[in-house]
Amino acid sequence: MSAVVVLTRDYCYWGERPLRDAIRLIVNGKVEIVAADESKVIQAGINKDGATFKLPAPLVIRLLTFVGVKIKHEEVTFSKEAVFERDENTCQYWHHDDRGKRFKHRCTQEELTVDHVIPKVKGGSNSFMNCVTACRTCNERLKRGRTPQEAGLELIRKPFVPRLRKGDMVVIRFQYNPESKAHRALRDQIQVGWAS
């Protein structure tokens, strides 16, 4: 099945979708056809009156409402640096002042350690779900290979798998393929200029 070039609302290259997806977007009114193959007519669907409607095969479509910023949502690879970044260099065990009031302790570079909530000696894994940032005092003096409950420590929050920060955008690159009818149609539209 041939691919259809998708442009953002502002006519920037967004990506490519299968013809079936493009037709669904057209039928749902989410896109407009910028260029189509007039020689190839496809049956797009049946309206509520039972009549079928046909349209030329779309080659280039434009999103009507979406501007086109893609945000990354991949999982971050596990590393001690990624744990520190997720936890913002803050010890994930509550600290207490002289009056017993809890507070968060931001670690210096010398204090930073990665603690296994369930110690490796007790079957704990090397993963985001089991590792937290801890200061040397909590990790090496207080916890020492025990669970937080056994050491009398309380986690600030449960560990989680971080996602890339909002605002990290995907770089979209268009690579022209002269064999693609949709790519040739896009090139022709660019050369002629967009209709007002």
N, C-alpha and C. Protein backbone atom coordinates (compact mmCIF):
# COMPACT_ATOMS: atom_id res chain seq x y z
N MET A 1 0.85 -1.18 0.00
CA MET A 1 0.00 0.00 0.00
C MET A 1 0.89 1.24 0.00
N SER A 2 0.56 2.21 -0.86
CA SER A 2 1.42 3.38 -1.00
C SER A 2 1.28 4.32 0.18
N ALA A 3 2.35 5.09 0.42
CA ALA A 3 2.36 6.03 1.54
C ALA A 3 1.93 7.41 1.05
N VAL A 4 1.31 8.15 1.95
CA VAL A 4 0.84 9.50 1.67
C VAL A 4 1.67 10.45 2.52
N VAL A 5 2.17 11.52 1.92
CA VAL A 5 2.95 12.53 2.64
C VAL A 5 1.98 13.37 3.49
N VAL A 6 2.34 13.56 4.76
CA VAL A 6 1.51 14.36 5.67
C VAL A 6 2.27 15.64 6.02
N LEU A 7 1.58 16.77 5.86
CA LEU A 7 2.14 18.08 6.21
C LEU A 7 1.43 18.62 7.44
N THR A 8 2.12 19.46 8.18
CA THR A 8 1.49 20.11 9.33
C THR A 8 0.55 21.19 8.83
N ARG A 9 -0.17 21.80 9.75
CA ARG A 9 -1.08 22.89 9.40
C ARG A 9 -0.31 24.01 8.69
N ASP A 10 0.97 24.17 9.03
CA ASP A 10 1.81 25.23 8.46
C ASP A 10 2.60 24.78 7.24
N TYR A 11 2.21 23.66 6.64
CA TYR A 11 2.82 23.13 5.42
C TYR A 11 4.26 22.67 5.61
N CYS A 12 4.61 22.22 6.80
CA CYS A 12 5.93 21.63 7.04
C CYS A 12 5.79 20.10 6.94
N TYR A 13 6.85 19.46 6.50
CA TYR A 13 6.82 18.00 6.40
C TYR A 13 6.65 17.40 7.79
N TRP A 14 5.71 16.47 7.94
CA TRP A 14 5.43 15.83 9.21
C TRP A 14 5.82 14.37 9.21
N GLY A 15 5.53 13.70 8.10
CA GLY A 15 5.83 12.28 8.00
C GLY A 15 5.03 11.65 6.88
N GLU A 16 4.90 10.33 6.93
CA GLU A 16 4.13 9.62 5.93
C GLU A 16 3.25 8.60 6.60
N ARG A 17 2.06 8.40 6.05
CA ARG A 17 1.09 7.46 6.59
C ARG A 17 0.59 6.56 5.47
N PRO A 18 0.17 5.35 5.82
CA PRO A 18 -0.41 4.49 4.80
C PRO A 18 -1.68 5.12 4.23
N LEU A 19 -2.02 4.75 3.00
CA LEU A 19 -3.20 5.29 2.32
C LEU A 19 -4.46 5.10 3.16
N ARG A 20 -4.60 3.95 3.80
CA ARG A 20 -5.79 3.66 4.62
C ARG A 20 -5.94 4.70 5.74
N ASP A 21 -4.82 5.05 6.41
CA ASP A 21 -4.87 6.06 7.48
C ASP A 21 -5.24 7.43 6.91
N ALA A 22 -4.68 7.76 5.74
CA ALA A 22 -4.97 9.05 5.11
C ALA A 22 -6.45 9.16 4.79
N ILE A 23 -7.04 8.10 4.28
CA ILE A 23 -8.46 8.12 3.94
C ILE A 23 -9.29 8.31 5.21
N ARG A 24 -8.91 7.63 6.28
CA ARG A 24 -9.63 7.77 7.55
C ARG A 24 -9.57 9.23 8.03
N LEU A 25 -8.40 9.86 7.91
CA LEU A 25 -8.25 11.26 8.32
C LEU A 25 -9.11 12.18 7.45
N ILE A 26 -9.17 11.89 6.15
CA ILE A 26 -9.98 12.71 5.23
C ILE A 26 -11.46 12.58 5.58
N VAL A 27 -11.92 11.34 5.75
CA VAL A 27 -13.33 11.09 6.06
C VAL A 27 -13.73 11.75 7.38
N ASN A 28 -12.82 11.75 8.35
CA ASN A 28 -13.11 12.35 9.66
C ASN A 28 -12.90 13.86 9.69
N GLY A 29 -12.51 14.45 8.56
CA GLY A 29 -12.36 15.90 8.48
C GLY A 29 -11.15 16.45 9.19
N LYS A 30 -10.14 15.63 9.41
CA LYS A 30 -8.94 16.08 10.13
C LYS A 30 -7.90 16.69 9.20
N VAL A 31 -8.00 16.38 7.89
CA VAL A 31 -7.00 16.84 6.92
C VAL A 31 -7.69 17.33 5.66
N GLU A 32 -6.91 18.03 4.85
CA GLU A 32 -7.36 18.38 3.51
C GLU A 32 -6.37 17.80 2.51
N ILE A 33 -6.85 17.51 1.33
CA ILE A 33 -5.98 16.95 0.29
C ILE A 33 -5.27 18.11 -0.39
N VAL A 34 -3.94 18.05 -0.43
CA VAL A 34 -3.13 19.07 -1.09
C VAL A 34 -2.84 18.64 -2.52
N ALA A 35 -2.53 17.36 -2.71
CA ALA A 35 -2.29 16.81 -4.05
C ALA A 35 -2.84 15.40 -4.09
N ALA A 36 -3.41 15.05 -5.25
CA ALA A 36 -4.01 13.72 -5.39
C ALA A 36 -3.71 13.16 -6.77
N ASP A 37 -3.80 11.85 -6.87
CA ASP A 37 -3.63 11.16 -8.15
C ASP A 37 -5.02 11.05 -8.78
N GLU A 38 -5.31 11.97 -9.72
CA GLU A 38 -6.65 12.02 -10.33
C GLU A 38 -6.94 10.77 -11.16
N SER A 39 -5.91 10.07 -11.60
CA SER A 39 -6.13 8.87 -12.42
C SER A 39 -6.55 7.67 -11.60
N LYS A 40 -6.40 7.76 -10.28
CA LYS A 40 -6.75 6.64 -9.40
C LYS A 40 -7.84 7.08 -8.45
N VAL A 41 -9.04 6.57 -8.63
CA VAL A 41 -10.18 6.92 -7.78
C VAL A 41 -10.42 5.78 -6.80
N ILE A 42 -10.64 6.13 -5.54
CA ILE A 42 -10.87 5.09 -4.53
C ILE A 42 -12.21 5.32 -3.86
N GLN A 43 -12.82 4.23 -3.43
CA GLN A 43 -14.08 4.32 -2.69
C GLN A 43 -13.72 4.61 -1.24
N ALA A 44 -14.15 5.77 -0.75
CA ALA A 44 -13.75 6.20 0.58
C ALA A 44 -14.69 5.72 1.67
N GLY A 45 -15.94 5.43 1.34
CA GLY A 45 -16.86 4.98 2.37
C GLY A 45 -18.30 5.16 1.97
N ILE A 46 -19.16 4.92 2.92
CA ILE A 46 -20.60 5.03 2.70
C ILE A 46 -21.13 6.05 3.70
N ASN A 47 -21.90 7.01 3.18
CA ASN A 47 -22.45 8.01 4.10
C ASN A 47 -23.69 7.47 4.79
N LYS A 48 -24.31 8.26 5.66
CA LYS A 48 -25.45 7.76 6.45
C LYS A 48 -26.68 7.47 5.60
N ASP A 49 -26.74 8.00 4.38
CA ASP A 49 -27.85 7.71 3.48
C ASP A 49 -27.62 6.42 2.69
N GLY A 50 -26.46 5.81 2.85
CA GLY A 50 -26.15 4.56 2.15
C GLY A 50 -25.47 4.75 0.81
N ALA A 51 -25.22 6.00 0.44
CA ALA A 51 -24.55 6.26 -0.84
C ALA A 51 -23.04 6.17 -0.66
N THR A 52 -22.39 5.56 -1.62
CA THR A 52 -20.92 5.47 -1.55
C THR A 52 -20.34 6.75 -2.13
N PHE A 53 -19.21 7.15 -1.61
CA PHE A 53 -18.54 8.31 -2.20
C PHE A 53 -17.11 7.94 -2.53
N LYS A 54 -16.64 8.55 -3.60
CA LYS A 54 -15.31 8.24 -4.13
C LYS A 54 -14.50 9.52 -4.15
N LEU A 55 -13.18 9.35 -4.10
CA LEU A 55 -12.30 10.50 -4.18
C LEU A 55 -11.00 10.07 -4.84
N PRO A 56 -10.28 11.04 -5.42
CA PRO A 56 -8.99 10.69 -6.02
C PRO A 56 -8.01 10.25 -4.93
N ALA A 57 -7.12 9.34 -5.26
CA ALA A 57 -6.15 8.83 -4.27
C ALA A 57 -5.26 9.97 -3.78
N PRO A 58 -5.28 10.26 -2.48
CA PRO A 58 -4.45 11.36 -1.97
C PRO A 58 -2.97 11.00 -2.03
N LEU A 59 -2.16 12.01 -2.36
CA LEU A 59 -0.70 11.85 -2.37
C LEU A 59 -0.07 12.69 -1.26
N VAL A 60 -0.62 13.91 -1.08
CA VAL A 60 -0.14 14.82 -0.04
C VAL A 60 -1.37 15.36 0.69
N ILE A 61 -1.36 15.27 2.02
CA ILE A 61 -2.45 15.81 2.82
C ILE A 61 -1.89 16.79 3.85
N ARG A 62 -2.77 17.69 4.34
CA ARG A 62 -2.33 18.69 5.33
C ARG A 62 -3.25 18.60 6.54
N LEU A 63 -2.64 18.52 7.72
CA LEU A 63 -3.40 18.51 8.97
C LEU A 63 -4.07 19.86 9.16
N LEU A 64 -5.34 19.87 9.53
CA LEU A 64 -6.07 21.13 9.66
C LEU A 64 -5.89 21.82 10.99
N THR A 65 -5.70 21.06 12.06
CA THR A 65 -5.61 21.69 13.38
C THR A 65 -4.28 21.49 14.07
N PHE A 66 -3.54 20.46 13.74
CA PHE A 66 -2.32 20.14 14.47
C PHE A 66 -1.13 20.88 13.89
N VAL A 67 -0.41 21.61 14.73
CA VAL A 67 0.72 22.41 14.28
C VAL A 67 1.89 21.52 13.88
N GLY A 68 2.17 20.46 14.64
CA GLY A 68 3.17 19.51 14.21
C GLY A 68 4.43 19.42 15.02
N VAL A 69 4.34 19.55 16.33
CA VAL A 69 5.52 19.34 17.18
C VAL A 69 5.42 17.92 17.72
N LYS A 70 6.43 17.11 17.44
CA LYS A 70 6.45 15.76 17.97
C LYS A 70 7.30 15.76 19.24
N ILE A 71 6.77 15.21 20.30
CA ILE A 71 7.51 15.11 21.56
C ILE A 71 7.93 13.66 21.74
N LYS A 72 9.19 13.48 22.14
CA LYS A 72 9.69 12.13 22.37
C LYS A 72 9.03 11.54 23.62
N HIS A 73 8.71 10.27 23.56
CA HIS A 73 8.14 9.58 24.71
C HIS A 73 8.80 8.22 24.89
N GLU A 74 10.04 8.11 24.48
CA GLU A 74 10.72 6.84 24.63
C GLU A 74 11.24 6.71 26.06
N GLU A 75 11.50 5.47 26.46
CA GLU A 75 12.07 5.26 27.79
C GLU A 75 13.55 5.62 27.75
N VAL A 76 14.03 6.17 28.83
CA VAL A 76 15.43 6.54 28.97
C VAL A 76 16.22 5.29 29.34
N THR A 77 17.42 5.15 28.80
CA THR A 77 18.27 4.01 29.12
C THR A 77 18.75 4.13 30.57
N PHE A 78 18.72 3.01 31.28
CA PHE A 78 19.12 3.01 32.69
C PHE A 78 20.61 3.30 32.84
N SER A 79 20.93 4.22 33.73
CA SER A 79 22.31 4.52 34.12
C SER A 79 22.23 5.30 35.43
N LYS A 80 23.34 5.36 36.15
CA LYS A 80 23.30 6.10 37.42
C LYS A 80 23.07 7.59 37.16
N GLU A 81 23.60 8.11 36.05
CA GLU A 81 23.38 9.52 35.72
C GLU A 81 21.89 9.79 35.45
N ALA A 82 21.22 8.82 34.80
CA ALA A 82 19.79 8.97 34.52
C ALA A 82 18.98 8.93 35.83
N VAL A 83 19.41 8.12 36.79
CA VAL A 83 18.74 8.07 38.10
C VAL A 83 18.92 9.41 38.80
N PHE A 84 20.14 9.97 38.78
CA PHE A 84 20.39 11.27 39.41
C PHE A 84 19.53 12.35 38.77
N GLU A 85 19.44 12.32 37.43
CA GLU A 85 18.65 13.34 36.72
C GLU A 85 17.16 13.20 37.06
N ARG A 86 16.66 11.96 37.04
CA ARG A 86 15.24 11.74 37.38
C ARG A 86 14.93 12.30 38.77
N ASP A 87 15.83 12.04 39.73
CA ASP A 87 15.61 12.45 41.12
C ASP A 87 16.13 13.86 41.43
N GLU A 88 16.61 14.55 40.40
CA GLU A 88 17.11 15.92 40.53
C GLU A 88 18.18 16.05 41.60
N ASN A 89 19.08 15.05 41.67
CA ASN A 89 20.20 15.04 42.63
C ASN A 89 19.74 15.19 44.07
N THR A 90 18.52 14.76 44.35
CA THR A 90 17.96 14.86 45.70
C THR A 90 17.85 13.47 46.31
N CYS A 91 18.35 13.32 47.54
CA CYS A 91 18.25 12.05 48.25
C CYS A 91 16.77 11.69 48.34
N GLN A 92 16.44 10.46 47.99
CA GLN A 92 15.04 10.04 47.95
C GLN A 92 14.54 9.49 49.29
N TYR A 93 15.35 9.66 50.34
CA TYR A 93 14.91 9.30 51.70
C TYR A 93 14.73 10.59 52.48
N TRP A 94 13.63 10.67 53.23
CA TRP A 94 13.37 11.87 54.02
C TRP A 94 14.47 12.06 55.06
N HIS A 95 14.92 13.30 55.21
CA HIS A 95 15.85 13.68 56.27
C HIS A 95 15.03 14.39 57.34
N HIS A 96 15.54 14.45 58.56
CA HIS A 96 14.81 15.08 59.68
C HIS A 96 15.71 16.09 60.38
N ASP A 97 15.12 17.25 60.70
CA ASP A 97 15.90 18.26 61.42
C ASP A 97 15.87 17.95 62.93
N ASP A 98 16.41 18.85 63.74
CA ASP A 98 16.50 18.63 65.19
C ASP A 98 15.13 18.49 65.86
N ARG A 99 14.11 19.07 65.25
CA ARG A 99 12.76 18.99 65.81
C ARG A 99 11.96 17.81 65.24
N GLY A 100 12.59 17.04 64.37
CA GLY A 100 11.91 15.89 63.78
C GLY A 100 11.11 16.22 62.53
N LYS A 101 11.23 17.46 62.04
CA LYS A 101 10.50 17.85 60.84
C LYS A 101 11.23 17.31 59.61
N ARG A 102 10.45 16.72 58.67
CA ARG A 102 11.03 16.13 57.47
C ARG A 102 11.43 17.21 56.47
N PHE A 103 12.51 16.92 55.73
CA PHE A 103 12.91 17.80 54.62
C PHE A 103 13.67 16.99 53.59
N LYS A 104 13.71 17.55 52.36
CA LYS A 104 14.44 16.91 51.26
C LYS A 104 15.87 17.44 51.27
N HIS A 105 16.82 16.52 51.04
CA HIS A 105 18.23 16.91 51.04
C HIS A 105 18.78 16.82 49.62
N ARG A 106 19.24 17.96 49.11
CA ARG A 106 19.87 17.98 47.79
C ARG A 106 21.34 17.63 47.97
N CYS A 107 21.78 16.59 47.25
CA CYS A 107 23.15 16.07 47.40
C CYS A 107 24.17 16.90 46.63
N THR A 108 25.36 17.00 47.21
CA THR A 108 26.49 17.55 46.48
C THR A 108 27.04 16.42 45.59
N GLN A 109 27.92 16.74 44.68
CA GLN A 109 28.49 15.72 43.79
C GLN A 109 29.20 14.63 44.59
N GLU A 110 29.84 14.99 45.70
CA GLU A 110 30.57 14.01 46.52
C GLU A 110 29.62 13.09 47.28
N GLU A 111 28.40 13.57 47.56
CA GLU A 111 27.44 12.79 48.33
C GLU A 111 26.61 11.82 47.48
N LEU A 112 26.54 12.04 46.17
CA LEU A 112 25.65 11.27 45.30
C LEU A 112 26.01 9.79 45.25
N THR A 113 25.02 8.94 45.51
CA THR A 113 25.16 7.49 45.32
C THR A 113 23.84 6.96 44.79
N VAL A 114 23.89 5.78 44.18
CA VAL A 114 22.67 5.11 43.75
C VAL A 114 22.40 4.00 44.75
N ASP A 115 21.18 4.00 45.30
CA ASP A 115 20.80 2.98 46.27
C ASP A 115 19.79 2.03 45.65
N HIS A 116 19.97 0.74 45.90
CA HIS A 116 19.00 -0.27 45.48
C HIS A 116 17.99 -0.40 46.62
N VAL A 117 16.74 -0.01 46.36
CA VAL A 117 15.70 -0.04 47.39
C VAL A 117 15.62 -1.44 47.98
N ILE A 118 15.48 -2.45 47.12
CA ILE A 118 15.62 -3.84 47.57
C ILE A 118 17.07 -4.18 47.23
N PRO A 119 17.90 -4.41 48.23
CA PRO A 119 19.33 -4.63 47.99
C PRO A 119 19.59 -5.78 47.03
N LYS A 120 20.68 -5.66 46.28
CA LYS A 120 21.05 -6.72 45.32
C LYS A 120 21.24 -8.05 46.03
N VAL A 121 21.74 -8.03 47.27
CA VAL A 121 21.94 -9.28 48.02
C VAL A 121 20.62 -9.95 48.37
N LYS A 122 19.52 -9.19 48.28
CA LYS A 122 18.19 -9.75 48.55
C LYS A 122 17.39 -9.92 47.27
N GLY A 123 18.09 -9.90 46.13
CA GLY A 123 17.44 -10.13 44.84
C GLY A 123 16.98 -8.88 44.11
N GLY A 124 17.37 -7.72 44.58
CA GLY A 124 16.98 -6.46 43.93
C GLY A 124 17.66 -6.29 42.58
N SER A 125 16.96 -5.66 41.67
CA SER A 125 17.49 -5.50 40.30
C SER A 125 18.15 -4.15 40.10
N ASN A 126 18.93 -4.07 39.04
CA ASN A 126 19.56 -2.84 38.60
C ASN A 126 18.59 -2.18 37.62
N SER A 127 17.58 -1.47 38.11
CA SER A 127 16.57 -0.89 37.23
C SER A 127 16.04 0.40 37.84
N PHE A 128 15.36 1.19 37.00
CA PHE A 128 14.77 2.44 37.49
C PHE A 128 13.76 2.18 38.59
N MET A 129 13.06 1.05 38.53
CA MET A 129 12.01 0.75 39.50
C MET A 129 12.58 0.33 40.86
N ASN A 130 13.89 0.06 40.92
CA ASN A 130 14.49 -0.38 42.18
C ASN A 130 15.64 0.52 42.64
N CYS A 131 16.01 1.52 41.84
CA CYS A 131 17.15 2.37 42.20
C CYS A 131 16.71 3.81 42.42
N VAL A 132 17.31 4.42 43.42
CA VAL A 132 17.03 5.82 43.73
C VAL A 132 18.33 6.54 44.06
N THR A 133 18.28 7.86 43.98
CA THR A 133 19.41 8.67 44.42
C THR A 133 19.38 8.69 45.94
N ALA A 134 20.56 8.50 46.54
CA ALA A 134 20.67 8.58 48.00
C ALA A 134 21.99 9.26 48.36
N CYS A 135 21.97 10.00 49.45
CA CYS A 135 23.22 10.60 49.93
C CYS A 135 24.04 9.48 50.57
N ARG A 136 25.32 9.72 50.70
CA ARG A 136 26.22 8.70 51.29
C ARG A 136 25.78 8.31 52.70
N THR A 137 25.31 9.27 53.47
CA THR A 137 24.89 8.97 54.85
C THR A 137 23.75 7.97 54.86
N CYS A 138 22.71 8.22 54.07
CA CYS A 138 21.56 7.29 54.04
C CYS A 138 21.95 5.93 53.48
N ASN A 139 22.73 5.94 52.40
CA ASN A 139 23.04 4.70 51.71
C ASN A 139 24.09 3.85 52.44
N GLU A 140 25.20 4.48 52.84
CA GLU A 140 26.32 3.71 53.37
C GLU A 140 26.31 3.59 54.90
N ARG A 141 25.72 4.56 55.61
CA ARG A 141 25.74 4.49 57.07
C ARG A 141 24.43 3.97 57.66
N LEU A 142 23.30 4.40 57.10
CA LEU A 142 22.01 4.02 57.69
C LEU A 142 21.42 2.75 57.07
N LYS A 143 21.41 2.67 55.76
CA LYS A 143 20.73 1.57 55.09
C LYS A 143 21.58 0.31 55.05
N ARG A 144 22.80 0.40 54.59
CA ARG A 144 23.79 -0.68 54.59
C ARG A 144 23.23 -2.06 54.20
N GLY A 145 22.68 -2.20 53.01
CA GLY A 145 22.25 -3.50 52.52
C GLY A 145 20.93 -3.99 53.09
N ARG A 146 20.17 -3.10 53.70
CA ARG A 146 18.86 -3.49 54.24
C ARG A 146 17.77 -2.81 53.41
N THR A 147 16.54 -3.22 53.60
CA THR A 147 15.42 -2.54 52.95
C THR A 147 15.17 -1.24 53.70
N PRO A 148 14.47 -0.28 53.10
CA PRO A 148 14.19 0.97 53.82
C PRO A 148 13.45 0.73 55.13
N GLN A 149 12.49 -0.21 55.13
CA GLN A 149 11.73 -0.50 56.35
C GLN A 149 12.66 -1.02 57.45
N GLU A 150 13.57 -1.92 57.08
CA GLU A 150 14.50 -2.48 58.06
C GLU A 150 15.43 -1.41 58.62
N ALA A 151 15.77 -0.41 57.80
CA ALA A 151 16.69 0.65 58.23
C ALA A 151 15.96 1.83 58.86
N GLY A 152 14.64 1.80 58.85
CA GLY A 152 13.86 2.91 59.42
C GLY A 152 13.86 4.14 58.53
N LEU A 153 14.01 3.94 57.23
CA LEU A 153 14.00 5.06 56.28
C LEU A 153 12.68 5.08 55.51
N GLU A 154 12.28 6.28 55.11
CA GLU A 154 11.03 6.44 54.36
C GLU A 154 11.33 7.11 53.02
N LEU A 155 10.88 6.45 51.94
CA LEU A 155 11.07 7.02 50.60
C LEU A 155 10.18 8.25 50.41
N ILE A 156 10.71 9.25 49.73
CA ILE A 156 9.94 10.44 49.39
C ILE A 156 8.86 10.08 48.38
N ARG A 157 9.23 9.27 47.39
CA ARG A 157 8.27 8.81 46.37
C ARG A 157 8.75 7.47 45.83
N LYS A 158 7.84 6.74 45.23
CA LYS A 158 8.20 5.46 44.63
C LYS A 158 9.05 5.70 43.40
N PRO A 159 10.05 4.85 43.15
CA PRO A 159 10.85 5.00 41.93
C PRO A 159 9.97 4.76 40.69
N PHE A 160 10.34 5.38 39.58
CA PHE A 160 9.58 5.23 38.33
C PHE A 160 10.53 5.30 37.15
N VAL A 161 10.06 4.80 36.01
CA VAL A 161 10.85 4.86 34.78
C VAL A 161 10.64 6.24 34.18
N PRO A 162 11.72 7.03 34.03
CA PRO A 162 11.55 8.39 33.50
C PRO A 162 11.29 8.39 32.00
N ARG A 163 10.63 9.38 31.55
CA ARG A 163 10.44 9.64 30.12
C ARG A 163 11.30 10.85 29.79
N LEU A 164 11.61 11.01 28.51
CA LEU A 164 12.37 12.20 28.14
C LEU A 164 11.54 13.43 28.47
N ARG A 165 12.22 14.48 28.89
CA ARG A 165 11.53 15.69 29.32
C ARG A 165 10.67 16.26 28.21
N LYS A 166 9.57 16.88 28.62
CA LYS A 166 8.74 17.57 27.65
C LYS A 166 9.58 18.64 27.00
N GLY A 167 9.41 18.79 25.73
CA GLY A 167 10.18 19.80 25.01
C GLY A 167 11.30 19.19 24.21
N ASP A 168 11.68 17.93 24.50
CA ASP A 168 12.66 17.26 23.66
C ASP A 168 11.92 16.85 22.39
N MET A 169 12.22 17.51 21.29
CA MET A 169 11.48 17.28 20.07
C MET A 169 12.21 16.31 19.15
N VAL A 170 11.43 15.59 18.39
CA VAL A 170 11.97 14.68 17.40
C VAL A 170 12.38 15.50 16.19
N VAL A 171 13.54 15.22 15.66
CA VAL A 171 13.97 15.89 14.43
C VAL A 171 13.39 15.10 13.27
N ILE A 172 12.61 15.78 12.43
CA ILE A 172 11.99 15.12 11.30
C ILE A 172 12.74 15.52 10.04
N ARG A 173 13.24 14.54 9.32
CA ARG A 173 13.99 14.82 8.09
C ARG A 173 13.25 14.20 6.91
N PHE A 174 13.13 14.97 5.87
CA PHE A 174 12.48 14.47 4.66
C PHE A 174 13.57 14.04 3.70
N GLN A 175 13.50 12.81 3.24
CA GLN A 175 14.46 12.31 2.27
C GLN A 175 13.70 12.02 0.99
N TYR A 176 13.94 12.81 -0.02
CA TYR A 176 13.22 12.71 -1.28
C TYR A 176 13.50 11.38 -1.97
N ASN A 177 12.42 10.72 -2.38
CA ASN A 177 12.52 9.46 -3.13
C ASN A 177 11.83 9.68 -4.47
N PRO A 178 12.59 9.76 -5.57
CA PRO A 178 11.98 10.04 -6.88
C PRO A 178 11.03 8.93 -7.35
N GLU A 179 11.12 7.75 -6.75
CA GLU A 179 10.22 6.64 -7.11
C GLU A 179 8.83 6.81 -6.49
N SER A 180 8.72 7.65 -5.47
CA SER A 180 7.45 7.84 -4.77
C SER A 180 6.61 8.91 -5.46
N LYS A 181 5.39 8.52 -5.86
CA LYS A 181 4.47 9.47 -6.49
C LYS A 181 4.13 10.60 -5.53
N ALA A 182 3.98 10.28 -4.25
CA ALA A 182 3.65 11.29 -3.24
C ALA A 182 4.79 12.29 -3.10
N HIS A 183 6.03 11.83 -3.14
CA HIS A 183 7.19 12.73 -3.02
C HIS A 183 7.27 13.64 -4.24
N ARG A 184 6.99 13.09 -5.42
CA ARG A 184 7.01 13.92 -6.63
C ARG A 184 5.90 14.98 -6.57
N ALA A 185 4.73 14.58 -6.05
CA ALA A 185 3.63 15.54 -5.92
C ALA A 185 3.99 16.65 -4.95
N LEU A 186 4.65 16.31 -3.85
CA LEU A 186 5.08 17.33 -2.88
C LEU A 186 6.09 18.27 -3.53
N ARG A 187 7.04 17.72 -4.28
CA ARG A 187 8.04 18.56 -4.97
C ARG A 187 7.34 19.51 -5.93
N ASP A 188 6.36 19.01 -6.67
CA ASP A 188 5.64 19.86 -7.62
C ASP A 188 4.89 20.98 -6.90
N GLN A 189 4.29 20.67 -5.75
CA GLN A 189 3.57 21.69 -4.98
C GLN A 189 4.53 22.76 -4.50
N ILE A 190 5.71 22.36 -4.07
CA ILE A 190 6.71 23.33 -3.57
C ILE A 190 7.16 24.23 -4.71
N GLN A 191 7.39 23.65 -5.89
CA GLN A 191 7.86 24.42 -7.03
C GLN A 191 6.81 25.41 -7.52
N VAL A 192 5.55 25.00 -7.52
CA VAL A 192 4.47 25.86 -7.98
C VAL A 192 4.14 26.91 -6.94
N GLY A 193 4.28 26.55 -5.67
CA GLY A 193 3.93 27.45 -4.56
C GLY A 193 2.57 27.04 -4.02
N TRP A 194 2.36 27.28 -2.74
CA TRP A 194 1.11 26.89 -2.12
C TRP A 194 0.00 27.83 -2.50
N ALA A 195 -1.17 27.26 -2.69
CA ALA A 195 -2.36 28.08 -2.99
C ALA A 195 -2.74 28.87 -1.76
N SER A 196 -3.20 30.05 -1.95
CA SER A 196 -3.60 30.91 -0.82
C SER A 196 -4.88 30.42 -0.20
